[in-house]
Amino acid sequence: MKTINFIIAILCSLSVQAQPTLKGAYLSKEDKEVIICLMDGYFVETKYNVDTKVFNYTWGGPFVKDGNKLLITIHFDSRDKAAVGKTKEILFVKKDHEIIDKGENILAGNWRMSGRKNGDKITENPLRARRTYKLLTGNRFQWIAINIETGEFSGTGGGNYSFVNGNYTENIEFFSRDSSRVGASLSFTGKVENEQWHHSGLSSKGDPIYEIWAKK
């Protein structure tokens, strides 16, 4: 009996390990304005309309998959900061969504702003409650400025991106703080070095930036 149980345990373990990681960007078939992005065990759902430049909401956080269910620990919710810290269960079935991309790109991942460079000086930004994430799938990007302790939501923006020969370009489709930015494109120089993403150019306000992003 012990041998049988041991074999069952090994098979179950192999099954879990063999299960593909859920990642990529998906468009809801029920509501064509809702996009879900998943990378590195992090979930973000956003609703917006690029034609009217209306941003509706965004929410998300770390998730685990249980069959067709996602259990999400809410890190942010632009509609209700009281939801932060709670766990939300949603049904996620791929056939109910149109796949936008499969989350395959050298930059794909959930990146956290970990530092800035001014001249030769690097100012580190250690992990704390107040943080800025930039989640990238295969061709979608979204940044989120949040505080996971107070529930404060400072802003978000996103759209589609390209990364070719060290040139990173963002095409903005929504911006919670200023809808006039929708339709703009921003180009940066980018590279991945020592598991960090170095990102330099001009911000949406025209200010020079050199940001360092990490996945930890």
N, C-alpha and C. Protein backbone atom coordinates (compact mmCIF):
# COMPACT_ATOMS: atom_id res chain seq x y z
N MET A 1 0.83 -1.20 0.00
CA MET A 1 0.00 0.00 0.00
C MET A 1 0.87 1.26 0.00
N LYS A 2 1.96 1.24 0.81
CA LYS A 2 2.85 2.38 0.87
C LYS A 2 3.48 2.65 -0.49
N THR A 3 3.83 1.53 -1.20
CA THR A 3 4.43 1.67 -2.52
C THR A 3 3.47 2.31 -3.50
N ILE A 4 2.20 1.88 -3.46
CA ILE A 4 1.17 2.43 -4.35
C ILE A 4 0.96 3.92 -4.09
N ASN A 5 0.85 4.26 -2.79
CA ASN A 5 0.67 5.68 -2.43
C ASN A 5 1.85 6.53 -2.88
N PHE A 6 3.05 5.95 -2.78
CA PHE A 6 4.26 6.67 -3.18
C PHE A 6 4.25 6.94 -4.68
N ILE A 7 3.84 5.92 -5.45
CA ILE A 7 3.77 6.07 -6.91
C ILE A 7 2.72 7.12 -7.30
N ILE A 8 1.57 7.09 -6.61
CA ILE A 8 0.52 8.07 -6.88
C ILE A 8 1.02 9.48 -6.60
N ALA A 9 1.75 9.63 -5.49
CA ALA A 9 2.29 10.95 -5.12
C ALA A 9 3.24 11.47 -6.18
N ILE A 10 4.09 10.56 -6.72
CA ILE A 10 5.04 10.96 -7.76
C ILE A 10 4.31 11.38 -9.03
N LEU A 11 3.28 10.62 -9.42
CA LEU A 11 2.51 10.94 -10.62
C LEU A 11 1.81 12.28 -10.49
N CYS A 12 1.25 12.53 -9.30
CA CYS A 12 0.58 13.81 -9.06
C CYS A 12 1.57 14.96 -9.15
N SER A 13 2.76 14.73 -8.58
CA SER A 13 3.80 15.76 -8.61
C SER A 13 4.23 16.05 -10.04
N LEU A 14 4.41 15.02 -10.84
CA LEU A 14 4.81 15.19 -12.23
C LEU A 14 3.72 15.91 -13.01
N SER A 15 2.45 15.62 -12.69
CA SER A 15 1.33 16.26 -13.37
C SER A 15 1.33 17.75 -13.11
N VAL A 16 1.57 18.14 -11.85
CA VAL A 16 1.60 19.55 -11.49
C VAL A 16 2.76 20.25 -12.18
N GLN A 17 3.96 19.59 -12.18
CA GLN A 17 5.13 20.18 -12.79
C GLN A 17 4.97 20.31 -14.30
N ALA A 18 4.23 19.38 -14.90
CA ALA A 18 4.07 19.38 -16.35
C ALA A 18 3.01 20.38 -16.81
N GLN A 19 2.17 20.86 -15.84
CA GLN A 19 1.12 21.79 -16.20
C GLN A 19 1.72 23.10 -16.72
N PRO A 20 1.33 23.55 -17.92
CA PRO A 20 1.93 24.76 -18.48
C PRO A 20 1.60 25.99 -17.64
N THR A 21 2.55 26.91 -17.57
CA THR A 21 2.32 28.16 -16.85
C THR A 21 1.35 29.02 -17.63
N LEU A 22 0.37 29.58 -16.93
CA LEU A 22 -0.60 30.44 -17.58
C LEU A 22 0.02 31.82 -17.77
N LYS A 23 0.13 32.23 -19.03
CA LYS A 23 0.73 33.53 -19.34
C LYS A 23 0.18 34.04 -20.66
N GLY A 24 0.41 35.33 -20.90
CA GLY A 24 -0.03 35.93 -22.15
C GLY A 24 -1.10 36.98 -21.93
N ALA A 25 -1.69 37.45 -23.03
CA ALA A 25 -2.74 38.46 -22.98
C ALA A 25 -3.98 37.92 -23.66
N TYR A 26 -5.13 38.22 -23.05
CA TYR A 26 -6.40 37.67 -23.52
C TYR A 26 -7.47 38.75 -23.56
N LEU A 27 -8.30 38.71 -24.60
CA LEU A 27 -9.42 39.63 -24.75
C LEU A 27 -10.71 38.89 -24.45
N SER A 28 -11.55 39.44 -23.58
CA SER A 28 -12.81 38.81 -23.23
C SER A 28 -13.75 38.80 -24.42
N LYS A 29 -14.33 37.65 -24.72
CA LYS A 29 -15.31 37.57 -25.81
C LYS A 29 -16.64 38.18 -25.40
N GLU A 30 -16.90 38.20 -24.11
CA GLU A 30 -18.15 38.76 -23.59
C GLU A 30 -18.12 40.29 -23.58
N ASP A 31 -16.98 40.85 -23.24
CA ASP A 31 -16.82 42.30 -23.20
C ASP A 31 -15.52 42.65 -23.90
N LYS A 32 -15.63 43.16 -25.11
CA LYS A 32 -14.46 43.41 -25.96
C LYS A 32 -13.58 44.54 -25.45
N GLU A 33 -13.96 45.17 -24.35
CA GLU A 33 -13.13 46.23 -23.80
C GLU A 33 -12.29 45.74 -22.62
N VAL A 34 -12.41 44.47 -22.28
CA VAL A 34 -11.69 43.91 -21.13
C VAL A 34 -10.52 43.05 -21.59
N ILE A 35 -9.33 43.39 -21.10
CA ILE A 35 -8.13 42.62 -21.41
C ILE A 35 -7.54 42.07 -20.12
N ILE A 36 -7.15 40.81 -20.14
CA ILE A 36 -6.48 40.17 -19.00
C ILE A 36 -5.05 39.82 -19.42
N CYS A 37 -4.09 40.23 -18.60
CA CYS A 37 -2.69 39.90 -18.85
C CYS A 37 -2.15 39.10 -17.67
N LEU A 38 -1.38 38.04 -17.97
CA LEU A 38 -0.83 37.18 -16.93
C LEU A 38 0.64 36.87 -17.25
N MET A 39 1.50 37.17 -16.28
CA MET A 39 2.92 36.86 -16.44
C MET A 39 3.53 36.66 -15.06
N ASP A 40 4.42 35.69 -14.95
CA ASP A 40 5.17 35.46 -13.71
C ASP A 40 4.25 35.31 -12.49
N GLY A 41 3.09 34.69 -12.70
CA GLY A 41 2.17 34.48 -11.59
C GLY A 41 1.45 35.74 -11.14
N TYR A 42 1.39 36.76 -12.02
CA TYR A 42 0.73 38.02 -11.68
C TYR A 42 -0.40 38.27 -12.68
N PHE A 43 -1.54 38.71 -12.16
CA PHE A 43 -2.77 38.89 -12.94
C PHE A 43 -3.14 40.37 -12.98
N VAL A 44 -3.50 40.86 -14.17
CA VAL A 44 -4.02 42.22 -14.30
C VAL A 44 -5.20 42.21 -15.27
N GLU A 45 -6.33 42.75 -14.81
CA GLU A 45 -7.50 42.92 -15.68
C GLU A 45 -7.77 44.41 -15.84
N THR A 46 -7.97 44.85 -17.08
CA THR A 46 -8.18 46.27 -17.36
C THR A 46 -9.30 46.44 -18.37
N LYS A 47 -10.14 47.44 -18.12
CA LYS A 47 -11.20 47.76 -19.07
C LYS A 47 -11.01 49.20 -19.54
N TYR A 48 -11.01 49.37 -20.86
CA TYR A 48 -10.87 50.70 -21.44
C TYR A 48 -11.37 50.69 -22.87
N ASN A 49 -11.54 51.88 -23.44
CA ASN A 49 -11.95 52.00 -24.84
C ASN A 49 -10.97 52.94 -25.54
N VAL A 50 -10.20 52.40 -26.46
CA VAL A 50 -9.16 53.19 -27.11
C VAL A 50 -9.76 54.24 -28.04
N ASP A 51 -10.96 53.98 -28.61
CA ASP A 51 -11.58 54.93 -29.54
C ASP A 51 -12.10 56.17 -28.82
N THR A 52 -12.71 55.97 -27.66
CA THR A 52 -13.26 57.09 -26.89
C THR A 52 -12.26 57.62 -25.87
N LYS A 53 -11.11 56.93 -25.73
CA LYS A 53 -10.05 57.29 -24.78
C LYS A 53 -10.53 57.22 -23.33
N VAL A 54 -11.47 56.34 -23.07
CA VAL A 54 -12.02 56.19 -21.72
C VAL A 54 -11.35 55.03 -21.00
N PHE A 55 -10.80 55.33 -19.83
CA PHE A 55 -10.26 54.29 -18.95
C PHE A 55 -11.32 54.00 -17.90
N ASN A 56 -11.70 52.71 -17.76
CA ASN A 56 -12.75 52.34 -16.80
C ASN A 56 -12.19 51.88 -15.47
N TYR A 57 -11.35 50.84 -15.50
CA TYR A 57 -10.80 50.32 -14.24
C TYR A 57 -9.65 49.38 -14.53
N THR A 58 -8.91 49.07 -13.48
CA THR A 58 -7.90 48.01 -13.51
C THR A 58 -7.78 47.42 -12.11
N TRP A 59 -7.47 46.15 -12.03
CA TRP A 59 -7.24 45.51 -10.73
C TRP A 59 -6.37 44.28 -10.96
N GLY A 60 -5.75 43.78 -9.88
CA GLY A 60 -4.94 42.58 -10.04
C GLY A 60 -4.04 42.30 -8.86
N GLY A 61 -3.17 41.31 -9.07
CA GLY A 61 -2.23 40.89 -8.04
C GLY A 61 -1.74 39.48 -8.31
N PRO A 62 -0.98 38.89 -7.40
CA PRO A 62 -0.47 37.53 -7.58
C PRO A 62 -1.62 36.52 -7.64
N PHE A 63 -1.44 35.47 -8.44
CA PHE A 63 -2.51 34.47 -8.54
C PHE A 63 -1.94 33.06 -8.52
N VAL A 64 -2.83 32.13 -8.15
CA VAL A 64 -2.55 30.70 -8.30
C VAL A 64 -3.71 30.11 -9.09
N LYS A 65 -3.42 29.09 -9.86
CA LYS A 65 -4.43 28.46 -10.71
C LYS A 65 -4.93 27.18 -10.06
N ASP A 66 -6.24 27.03 -10.00
CA ASP A 66 -6.87 25.84 -9.45
C ASP A 66 -7.92 25.36 -10.44
N GLY A 67 -7.52 24.47 -11.36
CA GLY A 67 -8.44 24.05 -12.41
C GLY A 67 -8.75 25.21 -13.34
N ASN A 68 -10.05 25.53 -13.48
CA ASN A 68 -10.46 26.67 -14.29
C ASN A 68 -10.60 27.95 -13.46
N LYS A 69 -10.17 27.89 -12.23
CA LYS A 69 -10.30 29.04 -11.34
C LYS A 69 -8.94 29.69 -11.09
N LEU A 70 -8.98 31.00 -10.93
CA LEU A 70 -7.80 31.74 -10.52
C LEU A 70 -8.10 32.34 -9.14
N LEU A 71 -7.18 32.12 -8.21
CA LEU A 71 -7.30 32.71 -6.88
C LEU A 71 -6.32 33.87 -6.82
N ILE A 72 -6.83 35.09 -6.75
CA ILE A 72 -6.02 36.29 -6.88
C ILE A 72 -5.97 37.05 -5.56
N THR A 73 -4.76 37.30 -5.07
CA THR A 73 -4.57 38.16 -3.90
C THR A 73 -4.48 39.58 -4.42
N ILE A 74 -5.46 40.39 -4.09
CA ILE A 74 -5.57 41.72 -4.70
C ILE A 74 -4.49 42.67 -4.17
N HIS A 75 -3.67 43.16 -5.07
CA HIS A 75 -2.64 44.15 -4.77
C HIS A 75 -3.15 45.57 -5.03
N PHE A 76 -4.09 45.69 -5.97
CA PHE A 76 -4.62 47.01 -6.32
C PHE A 76 -5.98 46.86 -6.99
N ASP A 77 -6.81 47.89 -6.82
CA ASP A 77 -8.11 47.96 -7.50
C ASP A 77 -8.44 49.44 -7.62
N SER A 78 -8.45 49.95 -8.84
CA SER A 78 -8.66 51.38 -9.06
C SER A 78 -10.05 51.83 -8.61
N ARG A 79 -10.98 50.88 -8.44
CA ARG A 79 -12.35 51.22 -8.05
C ARG A 79 -12.58 51.20 -6.56
N ASP A 80 -11.78 50.40 -5.83
CA ASP A 80 -12.06 50.19 -4.42
C ASP A 80 -10.80 49.78 -3.67
N LYS A 81 -10.17 50.71 -2.97
CA LYS A 81 -8.93 50.38 -2.27
C LYS A 81 -9.17 49.45 -1.09
N ALA A 82 -10.43 49.35 -0.64
CA ALA A 82 -10.74 48.45 0.47
C ALA A 82 -10.61 46.99 0.05
N ALA A 83 -10.59 46.73 -1.27
CA ALA A 83 -10.46 45.35 -1.77
C ALA A 83 -9.04 44.83 -1.65
N VAL A 84 -8.06 45.74 -1.51
CA VAL A 84 -6.65 45.35 -1.46
C VAL A 84 -6.37 44.47 -0.24
N GLY A 85 -5.68 43.36 -0.48
CA GLY A 85 -5.36 42.41 0.58
C GLY A 85 -6.32 41.24 0.63
N LYS A 86 -7.46 41.37 -0.02
CA LYS A 86 -8.44 40.28 -0.03
C LYS A 86 -8.13 39.31 -1.18
N THR A 87 -8.70 38.13 -1.11
CA THR A 87 -8.54 37.13 -2.17
C THR A 87 -9.82 37.03 -2.97
N LYS A 88 -9.67 37.08 -4.29
CA LYS A 88 -10.83 36.99 -5.17
C LYS A 88 -10.70 35.77 -6.06
N GLU A 89 -11.77 35.03 -6.22
CA GLU A 89 -11.79 33.84 -7.07
C GLU A 89 -12.58 34.15 -8.33
N ILE A 90 -11.97 33.89 -9.49
CA ILE A 90 -12.67 34.10 -10.75
C ILE A 90 -12.54 32.85 -11.61
N LEU A 91 -13.50 32.66 -12.49
CA LEU A 91 -13.45 31.57 -13.45
C LEU A 91 -12.74 32.07 -14.70
N PHE A 92 -11.69 31.37 -15.11
CA PHE A 92 -10.96 31.76 -16.31
C PHE A 92 -10.88 30.56 -17.25
N VAL A 93 -11.64 30.61 -18.33
CA VAL A 93 -11.66 29.54 -19.33
C VAL A 93 -11.18 30.13 -20.65
N LYS A 94 -10.15 29.54 -21.22
CA LYS A 94 -9.53 30.12 -22.41
C LYS A 94 -10.49 30.25 -23.58
N LYS A 95 -11.45 29.33 -23.69
CA LYS A 95 -12.37 29.40 -24.83
C LYS A 95 -13.29 30.63 -24.76
N ASP A 96 -13.37 31.23 -23.58
CA ASP A 96 -14.18 32.44 -23.43
C ASP A 96 -13.38 33.70 -23.75
N HIS A 97 -12.11 33.53 -24.16
CA HIS A 97 -11.24 34.66 -24.44
C HIS A 97 -10.53 34.48 -25.78
N GLU A 98 -10.25 35.59 -26.42
CA GLU A 98 -9.43 35.59 -27.63
C GLU A 98 -7.99 35.85 -27.22
N ILE A 99 -7.08 35.00 -27.62
CA ILE A 99 -5.69 35.20 -27.23
C ILE A 99 -5.06 36.31 -28.07
N ILE A 100 -4.42 37.24 -27.40
CA ILE A 100 -3.74 38.35 -28.06
C ILE A 100 -2.29 37.97 -28.32
N ASP A 101 -1.65 37.42 -27.31
CA ASP A 101 -0.30 36.90 -27.48
C ASP A 101 -0.04 35.83 -26.42
N LYS A 102 1.01 35.07 -26.60
CA LYS A 102 1.31 33.94 -25.72
C LYS A 102 2.34 34.26 -24.64
N GLY A 103 2.65 35.53 -24.48
CA GLY A 103 3.60 35.91 -23.43
C GLY A 103 5.02 35.51 -23.72
N GLU A 104 5.38 35.48 -25.01
CA GLU A 104 6.72 35.04 -25.41
C GLU A 104 7.50 36.21 -26.01
N ASN A 105 8.45 36.71 -25.26
CA ASN A 105 9.28 37.82 -25.68
C ASN A 105 10.41 37.93 -24.67
N ILE A 106 11.57 38.40 -25.08
CA ILE A 106 12.69 38.52 -24.14
C ILE A 106 12.34 39.45 -22.97
N LEU A 107 11.43 40.41 -23.20
CA LEU A 107 11.04 41.33 -22.14
C LEU A 107 9.80 40.87 -21.36
N ALA A 108 9.16 39.80 -21.81
CA ALA A 108 7.93 39.36 -21.16
C ALA A 108 8.18 39.03 -19.68
N GLY A 109 7.35 39.56 -18.81
CA GLY A 109 7.49 39.31 -17.38
C GLY A 109 6.83 40.42 -16.58
N ASN A 110 6.83 40.25 -15.27
CA ASN A 110 6.32 41.30 -14.39
C ASN A 110 7.50 41.99 -13.73
N TRP A 111 7.80 43.19 -14.19
CA TRP A 111 8.98 43.93 -13.75
C TRP A 111 8.61 44.96 -12.69
N ARG A 112 9.49 45.16 -11.74
CA ARG A 112 9.30 46.17 -10.69
C ARG A 112 10.40 47.22 -10.80
N MET A 113 9.99 48.49 -10.70
CA MET A 113 10.98 49.56 -10.71
C MET A 113 11.92 49.39 -9.53
N SER A 114 13.20 49.12 -9.81
CA SER A 114 14.15 48.83 -8.74
C SER A 114 15.23 49.90 -8.58
N GLY A 115 15.25 50.87 -9.50
CA GLY A 115 16.25 51.92 -9.37
C GLY A 115 16.23 52.90 -10.53
N ARG A 116 16.93 54.01 -10.33
CA ARG A 116 17.09 55.01 -11.37
C ARG A 116 18.56 55.41 -11.45
N LYS A 117 18.97 55.83 -12.62
CA LYS A 117 20.35 56.26 -12.82
C LYS A 117 20.37 57.73 -13.20
N ASN A 118 21.14 58.51 -12.45
CA ASN A 118 21.36 59.91 -12.76
C ASN A 118 22.86 60.13 -12.93
N GLY A 119 23.27 60.37 -14.17
CA GLY A 119 24.70 60.45 -14.45
C GLY A 119 25.32 59.09 -14.22
N ASP A 120 26.32 59.02 -13.35
CA ASP A 120 26.95 57.74 -13.02
C ASP A 120 26.41 57.16 -11.72
N LYS A 121 25.47 57.85 -11.10
CA LYS A 121 24.95 57.43 -9.81
C LYS A 121 23.64 56.67 -9.96
N ILE A 122 23.57 55.50 -9.32
CA ILE A 122 22.34 54.70 -9.33
C ILE A 122 21.68 54.79 -7.96
N THR A 123 20.42 55.20 -7.95
CA THR A 123 19.64 55.24 -6.72
C THR A 123 18.74 54.01 -6.69
N GLU A 124 18.97 53.14 -5.73
CA GLU A 124 18.19 51.90 -5.64
C GLU A 124 16.83 52.15 -5.00
N ASN A 125 15.87 51.36 -5.43
CA ASN A 125 14.51 51.45 -4.90
C ASN A 125 14.14 50.07 -4.36
N PRO A 126 14.40 49.79 -3.08
CA PRO A 126 14.14 48.46 -2.53
C PRO A 126 12.65 48.13 -2.50
N LEU A 127 12.36 46.85 -2.43
CA LEU A 127 10.97 46.40 -2.40
C LEU A 127 10.29 46.90 -1.13
N ARG A 128 9.16 47.57 -1.30
CA ARG A 128 8.40 48.10 -0.18
C ARG A 128 6.92 48.11 -0.58
N ALA A 129 6.08 48.59 0.32
CA ALA A 129 4.64 48.57 0.05
C ALA A 129 4.28 49.44 -1.16
N ARG A 130 4.93 50.60 -1.26
CA ARG A 130 4.69 51.47 -2.40
C ARG A 130 5.62 51.05 -3.52
N ARG A 131 5.06 50.73 -4.66
CA ARG A 131 5.87 50.18 -5.75
C ARG A 131 5.24 50.47 -7.11
N THR A 132 6.07 50.36 -8.14
CA THR A 132 5.58 50.49 -9.51
C THR A 132 5.96 49.23 -10.28
N TYR A 133 4.95 48.62 -10.87
CA TYR A 133 5.15 47.44 -11.71
C TYR A 133 4.97 47.82 -13.18
N LYS A 134 5.64 47.08 -14.04
CA LYS A 134 5.35 47.14 -15.47
C LYS A 134 5.28 45.71 -15.96
N LEU A 135 4.07 45.28 -16.27
CA LEU A 135 3.84 43.91 -16.73
C LEU A 135 3.84 43.89 -18.25
N LEU A 136 4.69 43.03 -18.82
CA LEU A 136 4.77 42.90 -20.27
C LEU A 136 4.48 41.45 -20.67
N THR A 137 3.59 41.28 -21.62
CA THR A 137 3.36 39.96 -22.22
C THR A 137 4.14 39.94 -23.53
N GLY A 138 3.66 39.21 -24.51
CA GLY A 138 4.39 39.16 -25.78
C GLY A 138 4.45 40.48 -26.50
N ASN A 139 3.31 41.23 -26.49
CA ASN A 139 3.31 42.55 -27.13
C ASN A 139 2.45 43.57 -26.40
N ARG A 140 2.01 43.25 -25.17
CA ARG A 140 1.23 44.19 -24.36
C ARG A 140 2.08 44.68 -23.19
N PHE A 141 1.86 45.93 -22.79
CA PHE A 141 2.52 46.45 -21.60
C PHE A 141 1.50 47.20 -20.75
N GLN A 142 1.74 47.22 -19.45
CA GLN A 142 0.95 48.04 -18.54
C GLN A 142 1.76 48.33 -17.29
N TRP A 143 1.86 49.61 -16.93
CA TRP A 143 2.50 49.98 -15.67
C TRP A 143 1.41 50.31 -14.65
N ILE A 144 1.72 50.05 -13.39
CA ILE A 144 0.78 50.30 -12.31
C ILE A 144 1.55 50.85 -11.12
N ALA A 145 1.18 52.01 -10.61
CA ALA A 145 1.80 52.60 -9.42
C ALA A 145 0.83 52.42 -8.25
N ILE A 146 1.26 51.68 -7.22
CA ILE A 146 0.34 51.26 -6.16
C ILE A 146 1.01 51.25 -4.79
N ASN A 147 0.18 51.08 -3.76
CA ASN A 147 0.66 50.81 -2.40
C ASN A 147 -0.16 49.65 -1.88
N ILE A 148 0.49 48.50 -1.67
CA ILE A 148 -0.26 47.29 -1.33
C ILE A 148 -0.68 47.25 0.15
N GLU A 149 -0.22 48.22 0.95
CA GLU A 149 -0.64 48.28 2.35
C GLU A 149 -1.80 49.24 2.55
N THR A 150 -1.73 50.41 1.95
CA THR A 150 -2.78 51.41 2.12
C THR A 150 -3.90 51.26 1.09
N GLY A 151 -3.60 50.53 0.00
CA GLY A 151 -4.59 50.40 -1.08
C GLY A 151 -4.56 51.56 -2.05
N GLU A 152 -3.62 52.50 -1.84
CA GLU A 152 -3.54 53.67 -2.71
C GLU A 152 -3.21 53.25 -4.14
N PHE A 153 -3.98 53.78 -5.08
CA PHE A 153 -3.76 53.55 -6.51
C PHE A 153 -3.38 54.88 -7.13
N SER A 154 -2.14 54.99 -7.61
CA SER A 154 -1.64 56.28 -8.10
C SER A 154 -1.83 56.47 -9.60
N GLY A 155 -1.96 55.38 -10.34
CA GLY A 155 -2.18 55.54 -11.77
C GLY A 155 -1.72 54.33 -12.56
N THR A 156 -2.12 54.31 -13.84
CA THR A 156 -1.75 53.22 -14.74
C THR A 156 -1.81 53.71 -16.17
N GLY A 157 -1.14 53.00 -17.04
CA GLY A 157 -1.19 53.26 -18.46
C GLY A 157 -0.71 52.03 -19.20
N GLY A 158 -1.08 51.91 -20.46
CA GLY A 158 -0.65 50.72 -21.18
C GLY A 158 -1.09 50.73 -22.63
N GLY A 159 -0.80 49.62 -23.28
CA GLY A 159 -1.13 49.48 -24.70
C GLY A 159 -0.29 48.36 -25.29
N ASN A 160 0.23 48.57 -26.48
CA ASN A 160 1.09 47.55 -27.09
C ASN A 160 2.51 48.08 -27.24
N TYR A 161 3.47 47.16 -27.34
CA TYR A 161 4.87 47.56 -27.43
C TYR A 161 5.61 46.69 -28.43
N SER A 162 6.79 47.17 -28.82
CA SER A 162 7.70 46.37 -29.64
C SER A 162 9.11 46.55 -29.08
N PHE A 163 9.93 45.53 -29.27
CA PHE A 163 11.33 45.59 -28.82
C PHE A 163 12.18 44.96 -29.91
N VAL A 164 12.87 45.80 -30.68
CA VAL A 164 13.64 45.34 -31.83
C VAL A 164 15.02 46.00 -31.80
N ASN A 165 16.06 45.17 -31.80
CA ASN A 165 17.44 45.65 -31.86
C ASN A 165 17.73 46.72 -30.80
N GLY A 166 17.26 46.47 -29.60
CA GLY A 166 17.53 47.39 -28.51
C GLY A 166 16.63 48.61 -28.45
N ASN A 167 15.70 48.72 -29.40
CA ASN A 167 14.77 49.84 -29.41
C ASN A 167 13.40 49.39 -28.89
N TYR A 168 12.99 50.02 -27.81
CA TYR A 168 11.72 49.68 -27.16
C TYR A 168 10.72 50.81 -27.41
N THR A 169 9.55 50.47 -27.97
CA THR A 169 8.54 51.47 -28.30
C THR A 169 7.20 51.11 -27.66
N GLU A 170 6.62 52.07 -26.96
CA GLU A 170 5.29 51.90 -26.37
C GLU A 170 4.27 52.71 -27.15
N ASN A 171 3.14 52.08 -27.48
CA ASN A 171 2.03 52.76 -28.12
C ASN A 171 0.88 52.80 -27.11
N ILE A 172 0.58 53.99 -26.62
CA ILE A 172 -0.34 54.15 -25.49
C ILE A 172 -1.80 54.03 -25.94
N GLU A 173 -2.53 53.11 -25.31
CA GLU A 173 -3.95 52.89 -25.60
C GLU A 173 -4.85 53.34 -24.45
N PHE A 174 -4.30 53.48 -23.25
CA PHE A 174 -5.07 54.03 -22.13
C PHE A 174 -4.12 54.66 -21.13
N PHE A 175 -4.61 55.67 -20.43
CA PHE A 175 -3.81 56.39 -19.45
C PHE A 175 -4.80 56.95 -18.42
N SER A 176 -4.73 56.44 -17.20
CA SER A 176 -5.73 56.81 -16.20
C SER A 176 -5.66 58.28 -15.79
N ARG A 177 -4.48 58.86 -15.84
CA ARG A 177 -4.31 60.24 -15.37
C ARG A 177 -4.62 61.28 -16.43
N ASP A 178 -4.40 60.96 -17.69
CA ASP A 178 -4.52 61.96 -18.76
C ASP A 178 -4.87 61.28 -20.07
N SER A 179 -6.14 61.32 -20.43
CA SER A 179 -6.60 60.62 -21.64
C SER A 179 -6.03 61.22 -22.92
N SER A 180 -5.50 62.46 -22.85
CA SER A 180 -4.93 63.07 -24.05
C SER A 180 -3.67 62.36 -24.51
N ARG A 181 -3.08 61.54 -23.64
CA ARG A 181 -1.87 60.79 -24.01
C ARG A 181 -2.18 59.59 -24.91
N VAL A 182 -3.45 59.19 -24.95
CA VAL A 182 -3.83 58.03 -25.76
C VAL A 182 -3.52 58.30 -27.24
N GLY A 183 -2.86 57.36 -27.88
CA GLY A 183 -2.48 57.51 -29.28
C GLY A 183 -1.03 57.90 -29.46
N ALA A 184 -0.39 58.32 -28.37
CA ALA A 184 1.02 58.71 -28.45
C ALA A 184 1.92 57.48 -28.45
N SER A 185 3.11 57.64 -28.99
CA SER A 185 4.13 56.59 -28.99
C SER A 185 5.40 57.12 -28.34
N LEU A 186 6.00 56.31 -27.49
CA LEU A 186 7.23 56.68 -26.81
C LEU A 186 8.30 55.65 -27.15
N SER A 187 9.48 56.13 -27.50
CA SER A 187 10.58 55.22 -27.85
C SER A 187 11.72 55.36 -26.85
N PHE A 188 12.32 54.22 -26.51
CA PHE A 188 13.39 54.17 -25.53
C PHE A 188 14.49 53.23 -26.03
N THR A 189 15.64 53.36 -25.40
CA THR A 189 16.70 52.38 -25.60
C THR A 189 16.60 51.38 -24.46
N GLY A 190 16.66 50.10 -24.78
CA GLY A 190 16.49 49.10 -23.74
C GLY A 190 17.47 47.94 -23.89
N LYS A 191 17.79 47.34 -22.74
CA LYS A 191 18.62 46.13 -22.76
C LYS A 191 18.36 45.35 -21.48
N VAL A 192 18.53 44.04 -21.56
CA VAL A 192 18.43 43.18 -20.38
C VAL A 192 19.85 42.75 -20.02
N GLU A 193 20.24 43.09 -18.79
CA GLU A 193 21.61 42.83 -18.35
C GLU A 193 21.59 42.40 -16.90
N ASN A 194 22.21 41.23 -16.61
CA ASN A 194 22.24 40.70 -15.24
C ASN A 194 20.84 40.60 -14.64
N GLU A 195 19.90 40.11 -15.45
CA GLU A 195 18.51 39.91 -15.05
C GLU A 195 17.81 41.21 -14.69
N GLN A 196 18.34 42.32 -15.19
CA GLN A 196 17.70 43.62 -15.01
C GLN A 196 17.43 44.24 -16.37
N TRP A 197 16.34 45.00 -16.44
CA TRP A 197 15.96 45.68 -17.67
C TRP A 197 16.32 47.16 -17.52
N HIS A 198 17.27 47.61 -18.35
CA HIS A 198 17.68 49.01 -18.35
C HIS A 198 16.91 49.74 -19.46
N HIS A 199 16.32 50.85 -19.08
CA HIS A 199 15.31 51.49 -19.90
C HIS A 199 15.58 53.00 -19.87
N SER A 200 15.97 53.59 -21.02
CA SER A 200 16.33 55.00 -21.01
C SER A 200 15.72 55.73 -22.21
N GLY A 201 15.44 57.02 -21.98
CA GLY A 201 14.84 57.84 -23.03
C GLY A 201 14.15 59.03 -22.41
N LEU A 202 12.99 59.43 -22.98
CA LEU A 202 12.21 60.54 -22.47
C LEU A 202 10.86 60.04 -21.97
N SER A 203 10.42 60.54 -20.82
CA SER A 203 9.14 60.15 -20.26
C SER A 203 8.00 60.77 -21.07
N SER A 204 6.76 60.43 -20.70
CA SER A 204 5.60 60.98 -21.40
C SER A 204 5.51 62.50 -21.24
N LYS A 205 6.22 63.05 -20.22
CA LYS A 205 6.26 64.51 -20.01
C LYS A 205 7.44 65.15 -20.73
N GLY A 206 8.30 64.32 -21.35
CA GLY A 206 9.45 64.85 -22.06
C GLY A 206 10.70 64.94 -21.23
N ASP A 207 10.66 64.40 -20.01
CA ASP A 207 11.83 64.45 -19.13
C ASP A 207 12.74 63.25 -19.39
N PRO A 208 14.07 63.45 -19.36
CA PRO A 208 14.98 62.31 -19.56
C PRO A 208 14.91 61.34 -18.39
N ILE A 209 14.92 60.05 -18.70
CA ILE A 209 14.86 59.03 -17.65
C ILE A 209 15.85 57.91 -17.95
N TYR A 210 16.31 57.29 -16.89
CA TYR A 210 17.08 56.04 -17.00
C TYR A 210 16.59 55.18 -15.84
N GLU A 211 15.75 54.20 -16.17
CA GLU A 211 15.13 53.35 -15.15
C GLU A 211 15.72 51.96 -15.19
N ILE A 212 15.76 51.33 -14.03
CA ILE A 212 16.21 49.96 -13.92
C ILE A 212 15.07 49.15 -13.31
N TRP A 213 14.72 48.07 -13.99
CA TRP A 213 13.60 47.24 -13.56
C TRP A 213 14.09 45.83 -13.26
N ALA A 214 13.51 45.20 -12.25
CA ALA A 214 13.89 43.84 -11.87
C ALA A 214 12.63 43.02 -11.64
N LYS A 215 12.80 41.70 -11.65
CA LYS A 215 11.64 40.82 -11.44
C LYS A 215 11.51 40.37 -9.99
N LYS A 216 12.29 40.96 -9.08
CA LYS A 216 12.23 40.59 -7.68
C LYS A 216 11.83 41.80 -6.85
